[in-house]
N, C-alpha and C. Protein backbone atom coordinates (compact mmCIF):
# COMPACT_ATOMS: atom_id res chain seq x y z
N MET A 1 -36.05 22.07 22.11
CA MET A 1 -36.46 21.20 21.83
C MET A 1 -35.97 19.67 22.94
N PRO A 2 -37.01 18.67 23.06
CA PRO A 2 -36.60 17.80 23.84
C PRO A 2 -35.58 17.07 23.39
N HIS A 3 -36.16 16.16 21.65
CA HIS A 3 -34.88 16.18 21.05
C HIS A 3 -33.29 16.59 21.04
N ASP A 4 -33.41 17.71 21.11
CA ASP A 4 -31.84 18.16 21.43
C ASP A 4 -31.33 17.50 22.63
N HIS A 5 -31.74 17.27 23.73
CA HIS A 5 -30.90 16.93 24.35
C HIS A 5 -30.77 15.30 24.41
N HIS A 6 -31.04 14.80 23.71
CA HIS A 6 -30.36 13.07 23.16
C HIS A 6 -29.47 13.15 22.89
N ASP A 7 -28.54 11.90 23.66
CA ASP A 7 -26.68 11.60 23.23
C ASP A 7 -27.07 10.99 22.52
N HIS A 8 -26.91 11.03 20.78
CA HIS A 8 -26.81 10.49 19.56
C HIS A 8 -25.08 10.47 19.15
N PRO A 9 -24.86 9.11 19.36
CA PRO A 9 -23.14 9.23 19.45
C PRO A 9 -22.73 10.26 18.27
N HIS A 10 -23.51 10.16 16.90
CA HIS A 10 -23.10 11.25 15.64
C HIS A 10 -23.04 12.57 16.29
N SER A 11 -23.89 13.19 16.83
CA SER A 11 -24.07 14.33 17.37
C SER A 11 -23.03 14.78 18.15
N LEU A 12 -22.09 13.72 19.18
CA LEU A 12 -21.09 13.89 19.89
C LEU A 12 -19.53 14.18 18.99
N LEU A 13 -19.81 13.54 18.17
CA LEU A 13 -18.42 13.86 17.51
C LEU A 13 -17.89 14.62 16.81
N PRO A 14 -16.44 15.10 17.12
CA PRO A 14 -16.00 16.11 16.50
C PRO A 14 -15.77 16.51 15.15
N PRO A 15 -15.65 17.49 14.49
CA PRO A 15 -15.76 17.36 13.18
C PRO A 15 -14.40 16.82 12.32
N ASP A 16 -13.40 17.06 13.25
CA ASP A 16 -11.83 16.81 12.39
C ASP A 16 -12.19 15.39 12.33
N PRO A 17 -11.30 14.73 11.36
CA PRO A 17 -11.54 12.69 11.40
C PRO A 17 -10.53 12.35 12.36
N ALA A 18 -9.24 13.19 12.45
CA ALA A 18 -8.35 12.25 13.22
C ALA A 18 -9.27 12.60 14.83
N LEU A 19 -9.58 13.60 15.22
CA LEU A 19 -10.33 13.30 16.38
C LEU A 19 -11.68 12.72 16.55
N ARG A 20 -12.43 12.63 15.81
CA ARG A 20 -13.37 11.21 15.35
C ARG A 20 -13.15 10.22 15.64
N VAL A 21 -12.05 9.79 15.14
CA VAL A 21 -11.39 8.14 15.41
C VAL A 21 -11.46 8.24 16.82
N LYS A 22 -10.50 8.96 17.34
CA LYS A 22 -10.17 8.90 18.49
C LYS A 22 -11.31 8.81 19.38
N ALA A 23 -12.22 9.95 19.14
CA ALA A 23 -13.85 9.55 20.36
C ALA A 23 -14.63 8.48 19.98
N LEU A 24 -14.48 7.78 18.55
CA LEU A 24 -14.94 6.43 18.21
C LEU A 24 -14.27 5.58 19.05
N GLU A 25 -13.06 5.48 19.07
CA GLU A 25 -12.29 4.53 20.20
C GLU A 25 -12.69 4.46 21.45
N THR A 26 -13.14 5.95 21.46
CA THR A 26 -13.07 6.00 23.42
C THR A 26 -14.22 5.47 23.34
N ILE A 27 -15.24 5.73 22.67
CA ILE A 27 -16.75 5.57 22.77
C ILE A 27 -16.86 3.83 22.84
N LEU A 28 -16.08 3.10 21.98
CA LEU A 28 -16.49 1.52 22.06
C LEU A 28 -15.79 1.20 23.13
N THR A 29 -14.74 1.92 23.60
CA THR A 29 -13.87 1.21 25.06
C THR A 29 -14.58 1.55 25.59
N ARG A 30 -15.46 2.38 26.33
CA ARG A 30 -15.74 2.67 27.08
C ARG A 30 -17.58 1.40 27.44
N LYS A 31 -17.61 1.39 26.15
CA LYS A 31 -18.82 0.04 25.85
C LYS A 31 -18.19 -1.36 26.01
N GLY A 32 -17.14 -1.33 26.71
CA GLY A 32 -16.23 -2.77 26.54
C GLY A 32 -16.29 -3.45 24.84
N LEU A 33 -16.11 -2.74 23.81
CA LEU A 33 -16.15 -3.56 22.69
C LEU A 33 -15.15 -3.63 21.82
N ILE A 34 -13.98 -2.63 22.66
CA ILE A 34 -12.68 -3.07 21.74
C ILE A 34 -11.90 -2.81 22.96
N ASP A 35 -10.72 -3.72 22.97
CA ASP A 35 -9.46 -3.54 23.75
C ASP A 35 -8.53 -2.50 23.10
N PRO A 36 -8.27 -1.34 23.92
CA PRO A 36 -7.19 -0.37 23.44
C PRO A 36 -5.60 -0.74 23.25
N ALA A 37 -5.48 -2.00 24.37
CA ALA A 37 -3.71 -2.56 24.31
C ALA A 37 -3.98 -3.35 22.79
N ALA A 38 -4.89 -3.97 22.65
CA ALA A 38 -4.92 -4.82 21.56
C ALA A 38 -5.11 -3.68 20.45
N LEU A 39 -5.41 -3.15 20.06
CA LEU A 39 -5.84 -2.25 18.88
C LEU A 39 -4.43 -1.38 18.90
N ASP A 40 -3.49 -1.05 20.05
CA ASP A 40 -2.16 -0.37 19.71
C ASP A 40 -1.20 -1.71 19.17
N GLU A 41 -1.66 -2.94 19.69
CA GLU A 41 -0.65 -3.79 19.28
C GLU A 41 -0.57 -3.81 17.50
N ILE A 42 -2.08 -3.95 17.19
CA ILE A 42 -2.34 -4.14 15.67
C ILE A 42 -1.31 -3.16 15.19
N ILE A 43 -1.94 -1.86 15.42
CA ILE A 43 -1.41 -0.77 14.76
C ILE A 43 0.12 -0.54 14.77
N ASP A 44 0.65 -0.74 15.83
CA ASP A 44 2.42 -1.06 16.25
C ASP A 44 2.92 -2.12 14.90
N THR A 45 1.91 -3.17 14.61
CA THR A 45 2.79 -4.14 14.03
C THR A 45 2.29 -3.60 12.80
N TYR A 46 1.61 -3.04 12.04
CA TYR A 46 1.43 -2.73 10.70
C TYR A 46 2.23 -1.55 10.50
N GLN A 47 2.52 -0.62 11.53
CA GLN A 47 3.13 0.56 10.59
C GLN A 47 4.67 0.71 11.62
N ASN A 48 5.00 -0.21 12.18
CA ASN A 48 6.53 -0.40 12.71
C ASN A 48 7.20 -1.54 12.37
N ARG A 49 6.56 -2.90 12.80
CA ARG A 49 6.98 -3.95 12.31
C ARG A 49 7.26 -4.69 10.94
N ILE A 50 6.10 -4.26 10.13
CA ILE A 50 6.06 -4.61 8.79
C ILE A 50 6.14 -3.34 8.13
N GLY A 51 5.23 -2.53 7.85
CA GLY A 51 5.44 -0.87 7.28
C GLY A 51 5.58 -1.60 6.11
N PRO A 52 6.12 -0.63 4.91
CA PRO A 52 6.53 -1.24 3.54
C PRO A 52 7.60 -2.34 3.48
N GLN A 53 8.42 -2.35 4.70
CA GLN A 53 10.04 -3.48 4.72
C GLN A 53 9.34 -4.78 4.04
N ASN A 54 8.78 -5.38 4.15
CA ASN A 54 8.38 -6.97 3.91
C ASN A 54 7.98 -6.96 2.24
N GLY A 55 7.36 -5.84 1.79
CA GLY A 55 7.33 -5.48 0.28
C GLY A 55 8.86 -5.42 -0.10
N ALA A 56 9.51 -4.50 0.20
CA ALA A 56 10.91 -3.98 -0.30
C ALA A 56 11.63 -5.19 -0.25
N ARG A 57 11.65 -6.14 0.38
CA ARG A 57 12.58 -7.46 0.65
C ARG A 57 11.94 -8.28 -0.74
N VAL A 58 11.08 -8.10 -0.67
CA VAL A 58 10.44 -9.19 -1.78
C VAL A 58 10.88 -8.69 -3.07
N VAL A 59 10.71 -7.06 -3.46
CA VAL A 59 11.43 -6.86 -4.28
C VAL A 59 12.52 -6.66 -4.79
N ALA A 60 13.29 -6.76 -3.37
CA ALA A 60 14.85 -6.61 -3.62
C ALA A 60 15.44 -8.09 -4.31
N ARG A 61 14.61 -9.08 -3.45
CA ARG A 61 14.83 -10.71 -4.15
C ARG A 61 14.63 -10.73 -5.46
N ALA A 62 13.70 -10.24 -5.82
CA ALA A 62 13.07 -10.63 -7.17
C ALA A 62 14.13 -9.96 -8.01
N TRP A 63 15.02 -8.57 -8.07
CA TRP A 63 15.74 -7.68 -8.40
C TRP A 63 17.06 -8.59 -8.87
N ALA A 64 17.33 -9.65 -7.66
CA ALA A 64 18.84 -10.54 -7.83
C ALA A 64 18.51 -11.21 -7.88
N ASP A 65 17.51 -12.35 -7.96
CA ASP A 65 17.20 -13.63 -8.44
C ASP A 65 16.35 -13.75 -9.45
N PRO A 66 17.05 -13.95 -10.52
CA PRO A 66 15.86 -14.27 -11.99
C PRO A 66 14.94 -15.14 -11.81
N ALA A 67 15.03 -16.81 -11.27
CA ALA A 67 14.05 -17.77 -11.00
C ALA A 67 12.76 -17.01 -9.99
N PHE A 68 13.26 -16.19 -8.77
CA PHE A 68 12.46 -15.71 -7.73
C PHE A 68 11.60 -15.07 -8.68
N LYS A 69 12.19 -13.85 -9.26
CA LYS A 69 11.13 -13.01 -10.08
C LYS A 69 10.18 -13.92 -11.15
N ALA A 70 10.65 -14.57 -11.83
CA ALA A 70 9.60 -15.12 -12.42
C ALA A 70 8.67 -15.81 -11.80
N ALA A 71 8.98 -16.62 -11.03
CA ALA A 71 7.83 -17.28 -9.82
C ALA A 71 6.89 -16.43 -9.13
N LEU A 72 7.31 -15.31 -8.99
CA LEU A 72 7.04 -13.94 -8.56
C LEU A 72 5.52 -13.40 -9.47
N LEU A 73 6.11 -13.11 -10.36
CA LEU A 73 5.12 -12.90 -11.18
C LEU A 73 3.80 -13.85 -11.68
N ALA A 74 4.59 -15.04 -11.89
CA ALA A 74 4.01 -16.28 -12.21
C ALA A 74 2.84 -16.42 -11.57
N ASP A 75 2.88 -16.55 -10.20
CA ASP A 75 1.72 -17.23 -8.94
C ASP A 75 2.97 -16.55 -7.78
N PRO A 76 2.65 -15.52 -7.01
CA PRO A 76 3.16 -14.81 -5.90
C PRO A 76 2.41 -15.73 -4.62
N MET A 77 1.42 -16.30 -4.46
CA MET A 77 1.24 -16.99 -3.15
C MET A 77 2.02 -18.20 -2.51
N PRO A 78 2.64 -18.80 -3.01
CA PRO A 78 3.41 -19.71 -2.46
C PRO A 78 4.55 -19.17 -2.08
N LEU A 79 5.19 -18.33 -2.54
CA LEU A 79 6.35 -17.66 -1.89
C LEU A 79 6.15 -16.69 -1.15
N LEU A 80 5.13 -15.96 -1.11
CA LEU A 80 4.95 -15.03 -0.11
C LEU A 80 4.27 -16.08 1.02
N THR A 81 3.59 -16.65 1.13
CA THR A 81 3.29 -17.64 2.12
C THR A 81 4.37 -18.04 3.04
N GLU A 82 5.59 -18.72 1.66
CA GLU A 82 6.81 -19.77 2.33
C GLU A 82 7.72 -18.55 3.31
N LEU A 83 7.83 -17.11 2.59
CA LEU A 83 8.18 -15.99 3.33
C LEU A 83 7.56 -15.39 4.74
N GLY A 84 6.27 -15.87 4.84
CA GLY A 84 5.27 -15.82 6.05
C GLY A 84 4.84 -14.07 5.69
N TYR A 85 4.67 -13.46 4.44
CA TYR A 85 3.87 -12.60 3.98
C TYR A 85 2.92 -12.64 3.80
N TYR A 86 1.84 -12.97 4.49
CA TYR A 86 0.29 -13.37 4.13
C TYR A 86 -0.78 -13.28 5.01
N GLY A 87 -1.76 -13.50 4.90
CA GLY A 87 -2.80 -13.45 6.03
C GLY A 87 -3.97 -12.00 5.89
N ARG A 88 -4.81 -11.64 6.46
CA ARG A 88 -5.77 -10.52 6.23
C ARG A 88 -5.20 -9.59 5.26
N GLN A 89 -6.15 -9.12 4.34
CA GLN A 89 -5.80 -7.73 3.59
C GLN A 89 -4.91 -8.34 2.06
N GLY A 90 -4.11 -9.76 2.69
CA GLY A 90 -3.18 -9.98 1.18
C GLY A 90 -3.62 -11.65 1.32
N GLU A 91 -4.81 -11.93 0.94
CA GLU A 91 -5.02 -13.39 0.77
C GLU A 91 -4.61 -13.89 -0.28
N HIS A 92 -4.96 -13.16 -1.82
CA HIS A 92 -4.59 -13.18 -2.90
C HIS A 92 -3.98 -12.24 -3.59
N MET A 93 -2.64 -12.06 -3.79
CA MET A 93 -2.17 -11.01 -4.32
C MET A 93 -1.23 -11.59 -6.02
N VAL A 94 -1.19 -10.42 -6.73
CA VAL A 94 -0.67 -10.34 -7.96
C VAL A 94 0.07 -9.59 -7.80
N VAL A 95 1.30 -9.69 -8.70
CA VAL A 95 2.30 -8.93 -9.02
C VAL A 95 2.75 -8.44 -10.07
N VAL A 96 2.65 -7.08 -10.71
CA VAL A 96 2.48 -6.22 -11.75
C VAL A 96 4.10 -5.97 -12.04
N GLU A 97 4.81 -6.23 -13.33
CA GLU A 97 6.33 -5.28 -13.18
C GLU A 97 6.15 -4.34 -14.07
N ASN A 98 6.81 -3.56 -13.57
CA ASN A 98 7.01 -1.92 -14.36
C ASN A 98 8.31 -2.13 -15.13
N THR A 99 8.15 -1.86 -16.42
CA THR A 99 9.31 -1.94 -17.58
C THR A 99 9.58 -0.54 -18.63
N PRO A 100 10.29 -0.66 -19.14
CA PRO A 100 10.33 0.79 -19.86
C PRO A 100 9.08 1.10 -20.73
N GLU A 101 8.22 0.15 -20.92
CA GLU A 101 7.25 0.30 -21.89
C GLU A 101 5.88 0.41 -21.37
N THR A 102 5.97 -0.27 -19.91
CA THR A 102 4.52 -0.04 -19.03
C THR A 102 4.95 0.08 -17.60
N HIS A 103 4.55 1.24 -17.06
CA HIS A 103 4.22 1.56 -15.76
C HIS A 103 2.92 1.17 -15.37
N ASN A 104 2.75 0.63 -14.13
CA ASN A 104 1.72 0.19 -13.46
C ASN A 104 1.22 0.88 -12.06
N MET A 105 0.17 1.04 -11.91
CA MET A 105 0.15 2.21 -11.12
C MET A 105 -1.30 1.12 -10.21
N VAL A 106 -1.65 1.40 -9.09
CA VAL A 106 -2.85 0.64 -8.11
C VAL A 106 -3.63 1.36 -7.52
N VAL A 107 -4.74 1.22 -7.59
CA VAL A 107 -5.95 2.24 -6.89
C VAL A 107 -6.99 1.18 -6.66
N CYS A 108 -7.63 1.87 -5.48
CA CYS A 108 -8.95 0.57 -5.13
C CYS A 108 -10.08 2.06 -4.82
N THR A 109 -10.62 1.76 -6.43
CA THR A 109 -11.52 2.69 -6.44
C THR A 109 -13.11 2.77 -5.17
N LEU A 110 -13.22 1.80 -4.98
CA LEU A 110 -14.67 1.24 -4.38
C LEU A 110 -13.99 2.07 -2.56
N CYS A 111 -13.06 1.48 -2.05
CA CYS A 111 -12.69 1.53 -0.68
C CYS A 111 -11.11 2.28 -0.42
N SER A 112 -10.58 1.18 0.33
CA SER A 112 -9.05 1.09 0.41
C SER A 112 -8.14 0.24 0.47
N CYS A 113 -8.75 -1.05 -0.06
CA CYS A 113 -7.90 -2.67 -0.30
C CYS A 113 -6.37 -2.46 -0.80
N TYR A 114 -5.92 -2.52 0.24
CA TYR A 114 -4.30 -2.48 -0.01
C TYR A 114 -3.71 -4.09 0.96
N PRO A 115 -2.26 -4.33 0.43
CA PRO A 115 -1.73 -5.31 0.68
C PRO A 115 -1.00 -5.16 1.85
N TRP A 116 -1.78 -5.24 3.14
CA TRP A 116 -0.89 -4.91 4.58
C TRP A 116 -0.08 -5.73 4.61
N PRO A 117 -0.07 -7.13 4.50
CA PRO A 117 1.53 -7.69 5.03
C PRO A 117 2.40 -7.54 4.19
N LEU A 118 2.28 -6.66 2.99
CA LEU A 118 3.55 -6.46 2.26
C LEU A 118 3.79 -5.07 2.48
N LEU A 119 2.85 -3.84 2.95
CA LEU A 119 3.07 -2.53 2.82
C LEU A 119 2.66 -1.91 4.08
N GLY A 120 2.27 -2.86 4.89
CA GLY A 120 1.61 -2.06 5.97
C GLY A 120 0.39 -1.18 6.06
N ILE A 121 0.07 -0.13 6.66
CA ILE A 121 -0.77 0.73 7.16
C ILE A 121 -0.67 1.49 5.64
N PRO A 122 -2.12 1.57 4.88
CA PRO A 122 -2.24 2.48 3.72
C PRO A 122 -2.40 3.76 3.69
N PRO A 123 -1.06 4.73 2.99
CA PRO A 123 -1.18 5.85 3.52
C PRO A 123 -2.70 6.64 3.37
N GLY A 124 -2.37 8.05 3.75
CA GLY A 124 -4.17 8.73 3.56
C GLY A 124 -4.15 9.31 2.56
N TRP A 125 -2.96 9.44 1.70
CA TRP A 125 -3.86 9.76 0.31
C TRP A 125 -4.66 8.80 -0.50
N TYR A 126 -4.40 7.36 -0.09
CA TYR A 126 -4.60 6.31 -0.89
C TYR A 126 -6.16 6.07 -0.61
N LYS A 127 -6.47 6.66 0.39
CA LYS A 127 -7.60 6.38 1.04
C LYS A 127 -8.46 7.58 0.58
N SER A 128 -8.20 8.33 -0.25
CA SER A 128 -8.98 10.18 -0.34
C SER A 128 -9.61 9.74 -1.37
N ASP A 129 -10.95 10.35 -1.82
CA ASP A 129 -11.53 9.97 -2.71
C ASP A 129 -10.97 11.08 -3.94
N ALA A 130 -10.41 11.99 -3.80
CA ALA A 130 -9.43 12.42 -5.04
C ALA A 130 -8.32 11.61 -5.58
N TYR A 131 -8.03 10.84 -5.12
CA TYR A 131 -6.77 9.54 -5.43
C TYR A 131 -7.33 8.59 -6.38
N ARG A 132 -8.39 8.12 -5.74
CA ARG A 132 -9.67 6.90 -6.25
C ARG A 132 -10.08 7.45 -7.30
N SER A 133 -10.35 8.75 -7.61
CA SER A 133 -11.44 8.72 -8.58
C SER A 133 -10.17 9.11 -9.86
N ARG A 134 -9.14 10.08 -9.48
CA ARG A 134 -8.57 10.78 -10.65
C ARG A 134 -7.13 9.23 -11.34
N ALA A 135 -6.90 8.73 -10.46
CA ALA A 135 -5.96 8.04 -10.78
C ALA A 135 -6.60 6.80 -12.00
N VAL A 136 -7.84 6.85 -11.91
CA VAL A 136 -8.35 6.16 -13.23
C VAL A 136 -8.53 6.83 -14.07
N ARG A 137 -9.08 8.34 -13.82
CA ARG A 137 -9.58 9.25 -15.22
C ARG A 137 -8.18 9.96 -15.48
N GLU A 138 -6.95 10.38 -14.52
CA GLU A 138 -5.79 10.87 -15.29
C GLU A 138 -4.93 10.59 -14.34
N PRO A 139 -4.52 9.22 -14.49
CA PRO A 139 -3.35 8.81 -14.12
C PRO A 139 -1.76 9.50 -14.04
N ARG A 140 -1.71 9.70 -15.24
CA ARG A 140 -0.43 10.73 -15.78
C ARG A 140 -0.55 12.09 -14.93
N LYS A 141 -0.86 12.77 -14.44
CA LYS A 141 -1.50 13.91 -13.87
C LYS A 141 -1.28 13.91 -12.91
N VAL A 142 -1.90 12.60 -11.70
CA VAL A 142 -1.40 11.98 -10.72
C VAL A 142 -0.05 12.26 -10.55
N LEU A 143 0.08 11.06 -11.31
CA LEU A 143 1.85 10.50 -11.03
C LEU A 143 2.58 12.20 -11.27
N ALA A 144 2.25 12.93 -11.95
CA ALA A 144 3.13 14.15 -11.91
C ALA A 144 2.94 14.91 -10.82
N GLU A 145 1.97 14.97 -10.19
CA GLU A 145 1.91 15.27 -8.93
C GLU A 145 3.11 14.52 -7.77
N PHE A 146 2.85 13.47 -8.11
CA PHE A 146 4.27 12.47 -7.17
C PHE A 146 5.52 12.73 -7.57
N GLY A 147 5.56 13.88 -8.80
CA GLY A 147 6.83 13.56 -8.99
C GLY A 147 7.26 12.86 -9.65
N VAL A 148 6.67 11.70 -10.58
CA VAL A 148 7.13 10.88 -11.73
C VAL A 148 6.58 11.49 -13.15
N SER A 149 7.52 11.70 -13.55
CA SER A 149 7.48 12.02 -15.40
C SER A 149 8.20 11.00 -16.21
N LEU A 150 6.93 10.21 -16.66
CA LEU A 150 7.52 8.89 -17.64
C LEU A 150 7.58 9.47 -19.23
N PRO A 151 8.25 8.90 -19.89
CA PRO A 151 8.35 9.37 -21.36
C PRO A 151 6.92 8.84 -22.13
N GLU A 152 6.55 9.47 -23.33
CA GLU A 152 5.46 9.47 -23.42
C GLU A 152 5.44 8.31 -24.13
N GLY A 153 6.32 7.34 -24.82
CA GLY A 153 5.95 5.76 -25.28
C GLY A 153 5.88 5.00 -24.13
N THR A 154 5.71 5.81 -22.52
CA THR A 154 5.41 4.43 -21.81
C THR A 154 4.29 4.55 -21.24
N ALA A 155 3.20 3.36 -21.56
CA ALA A 155 2.18 3.35 -21.13
C ALA A 155 1.86 3.23 -19.64
N VAL A 156 0.42 3.89 -19.60
CA VAL A 156 0.53 3.71 -17.74
C VAL A 156 -1.07 2.69 -17.76
N ARG A 157 -0.54 1.63 -17.14
CA ARG A 157 -1.53 0.86 -16.70
C ARG A 157 -2.32 0.82 -15.18
N VAL A 158 -3.81 1.57 -15.07
CA VAL A 158 -4.30 1.29 -13.49
C VAL A 158 -4.55 -0.41 -13.37
N TRP A 159 -4.22 -0.47 -12.02
CA TRP A 159 -5.02 -2.00 -11.20
C TRP A 159 -6.02 -1.28 -10.47
N ASP A 160 -7.07 -1.98 -10.45
CA ASP A 160 -8.17 -1.75 -9.24
C ASP A 160 -7.91 -2.70 -8.41
N SER A 161 -7.69 -2.83 -6.77
CA SER A 161 -7.74 -3.56 -6.32
C SER A 161 -8.85 -4.15 -5.41
N THR A 162 -9.36 -5.00 -5.09
CA THR A 162 -10.65 -5.57 -4.68
C THR A 162 -10.40 -5.86 -3.63
N ALA A 163 -11.51 -6.70 -2.87
CA ALA A 163 -11.19 -7.26 -1.76
C ALA A 163 -10.91 -9.08 -1.91
N GLU A 164 -11.09 -9.08 -3.08
CA GLU A 164 -10.74 -10.53 -3.69
C GLU A 164 -9.26 -10.48 -3.92
N ILE A 165 -8.99 -9.67 -4.85
CA ILE A 165 -7.18 -9.36 -5.18
C ILE A 165 -6.45 -8.23 -4.79
N ARG A 166 -5.31 -8.50 -4.41
CA ARG A 166 -4.80 -7.14 -4.20
C ARG A 166 -3.32 -7.30 -5.10
N TYR A 167 -2.61 -6.11 -5.68
CA TYR A 167 -1.69 -5.51 -6.46
C TYR A 167 -0.33 -5.38 -5.93
N LEU A 168 0.60 -5.85 -6.14
CA LEU A 168 1.91 -5.11 -5.77
C LEU A 168 2.86 -4.52 -7.02
N VAL A 169 3.44 -3.79 -7.04
CA VAL A 169 4.39 -3.05 -8.36
C VAL A 169 5.33 -3.67 -7.95
N LEU A 170 6.37 -4.02 -9.27
CA LEU A 170 7.34 -4.29 -8.83
C LEU A 170 8.12 -3.53 -9.75
N PRO A 171 8.59 -2.25 -9.08
CA PRO A 171 9.28 -1.87 -9.93
C PRO A 171 10.52 -1.67 -10.64
N MET A 172 10.91 -1.27 -11.42
CA MET A 172 12.22 -1.54 -12.29
C MET A 172 13.27 -0.98 -11.24
N ARG A 173 14.15 -1.70 -11.79
CA ARG A 173 15.86 -1.96 -10.97
C ARG A 173 16.45 -0.61 -11.01
N PRO A 174 17.26 0.38 -10.44
CA PRO A 174 17.33 1.63 -10.90
C PRO A 174 18.97 1.70 -11.40
N GLU A 175 19.12 2.37 -12.19
CA GLU A 175 20.63 2.11 -12.77
C GLU A 175 21.65 2.13 -11.61
N GLY A 176 22.73 1.99 -11.66
CA GLY A 176 23.82 1.95 -10.66
C GLY A 176 23.74 1.41 -9.43
N SER A 177 22.62 0.34 -9.35
CA SER A 177 22.23 -0.88 -8.05
C SER A 177 23.19 -2.37 -8.31
N GLU A 178 23.78 -2.02 -9.66
CA GLU A 178 24.28 -3.40 -9.97
C GLU A 178 25.46 -4.03 -8.86
N GLY A 179 25.73 -4.94 -8.45
CA GLY A 179 26.74 -5.33 -7.54
C GLY A 179 25.94 -5.39 -6.20
N LEU A 180 24.81 -4.45 -5.86
CA LEU A 180 24.43 -4.29 -4.40
C LEU A 180 23.85 -5.52 -3.89
N ASP A 181 23.81 -6.24 -2.43
CA ASP A 181 23.51 -7.33 -1.94
C ASP A 181 21.78 -6.68 -1.88
N GLU A 182 21.31 -8.05 -1.22
CA GLU A 182 19.50 -7.87 -1.19
C GLU A 182 19.16 -6.69 -0.17
N GLU A 183 20.23 -6.84 1.10
CA GLU A 183 19.93 -5.81 1.75
C GLU A 183 19.83 -4.60 1.67
N ALA A 184 20.82 -3.99 0.65
CA ALA A 184 20.90 -2.88 0.19
C ALA A 184 19.83 -2.65 -0.97
N LEU A 185 19.70 -3.58 -1.76
CA LEU A 185 18.42 -3.35 -2.54
C LEU A 185 17.50 -2.70 -2.05
N ALA A 186 17.12 -3.43 -1.05
CA ALA A 186 15.79 -3.17 -0.31
C ALA A 186 15.60 -1.83 0.20
N GLU A 187 16.85 -1.24 0.63
CA GLU A 187 16.54 0.18 0.82
C GLU A 187 16.42 1.35 0.25
N LEU A 188 16.48 0.78 -1.50
CA LEU A 188 16.55 1.32 -2.67
C LEU A 188 14.83 1.55 -2.80
N VAL A 189 14.29 0.73 -2.24
CA VAL A 189 12.48 0.21 -2.57
C VAL A 189 11.90 1.29 -1.58
N THR A 190 10.86 2.11 -2.30
CA THR A 190 10.10 2.68 -2.01
C THR A 190 8.48 1.93 -1.26
N ARG A 191 7.71 2.19 0.05
CA ARG A 191 6.53 2.23 -0.59
C ARG A 191 5.82 2.70 -1.85
N ASP A 192 6.08 3.70 -1.91
CA ASP A 192 5.27 4.46 -3.44
C ASP A 192 5.32 3.81 -4.90
N SER A 193 6.90 2.93 -4.60
CA SER A 193 7.13 2.36 -5.89
C SER A 193 6.58 1.31 -5.83
N MET A 194 6.22 0.69 -5.20
CA MET A 194 5.27 -0.66 -4.72
C MET A 194 3.84 -0.51 -5.12
N ILE A 195 3.49 1.13 -5.04
CA ILE A 195 1.93 1.31 -5.15
C ILE A 195 1.79 1.59 -7.12
N GLY A 196 2.82 2.14 -7.38
CA GLY A 196 3.16 2.79 -8.79
C GLY A 196 3.35 4.28 -9.04
N THR A 197 3.28 5.01 -7.55
CA THR A 197 2.98 6.80 -7.39
C THR A 197 4.71 7.11 -7.30
N GLY A 198 5.46 6.08 -7.30
CA GLY A 198 6.73 6.51 -7.64
C GLY A 198 7.85 5.54 -8.01
N LEU A 199 9.31 5.92 -7.78
CA LEU A 199 10.24 5.22 -8.37
C LEU A 199 10.92 4.67 -7.71
N ALA A 200 11.86 3.65 -7.93
CA ALA A 200 13.21 3.46 -7.06
C ALA A 200 14.01 4.31 -6.72
N ARG A 201 14.71 4.38 -5.55
CA ARG A 201 15.38 5.62 -5.27
C ARG A 201 16.85 4.78 -6.02
N VAL A 202 17.61 5.83 -6.64
CA VAL A 202 18.81 5.42 -7.21
C VAL A 202 19.83 5.93 -6.11
N PRO A 203 20.98 4.96 -6.28
CA PRO A 203 21.63 4.43 -5.27
C PRO A 203 22.70 5.68 -5.16
N ALA A 204 23.31 6.18 -4.08
CA ALA A 204 23.91 7.62 -3.86
C ALA A 204 25.23 7.28 -4.37
């Protein structure tokens, strides 16, 4: 049939998601719609130079400085702006604190809204349909699959990120971290602990 010979872009894309992304990048590059060098620079910035390091520094300072922590929980944007941790995908942040009574967990049920300036590029599982649906429906089961087992008396609160508001979890400071400086404390903070699907590392 004549229709079979038309070069529709969707018919040329491979089934594997990673290959589809690469194919789309190639098509857009050939059409002059994107600059591969600029794209690589953006990815490198968020993946390697930002990553979750910025968020870890914020958490470490909150653990070490009670006044900073209080201000962070009350209104984080002035502090984050002063630190330079703001911008696209992080215009309005809310910080929620884990306590022995409440464990917080972040999801985006609509798409994959995520605080890029603090945590870098979102992990693949955060964007998956399974996580986005199950995190709200059965959060304790999801946490268990991440290796997080909470006491029965600890409530789980799930926060749904949107295009307007993104959340950062302030994990509980681990036992045995007394006396550590902020740099050492930041090493204990994991990306997952700031999403709520993990806990901070216990110092060796």
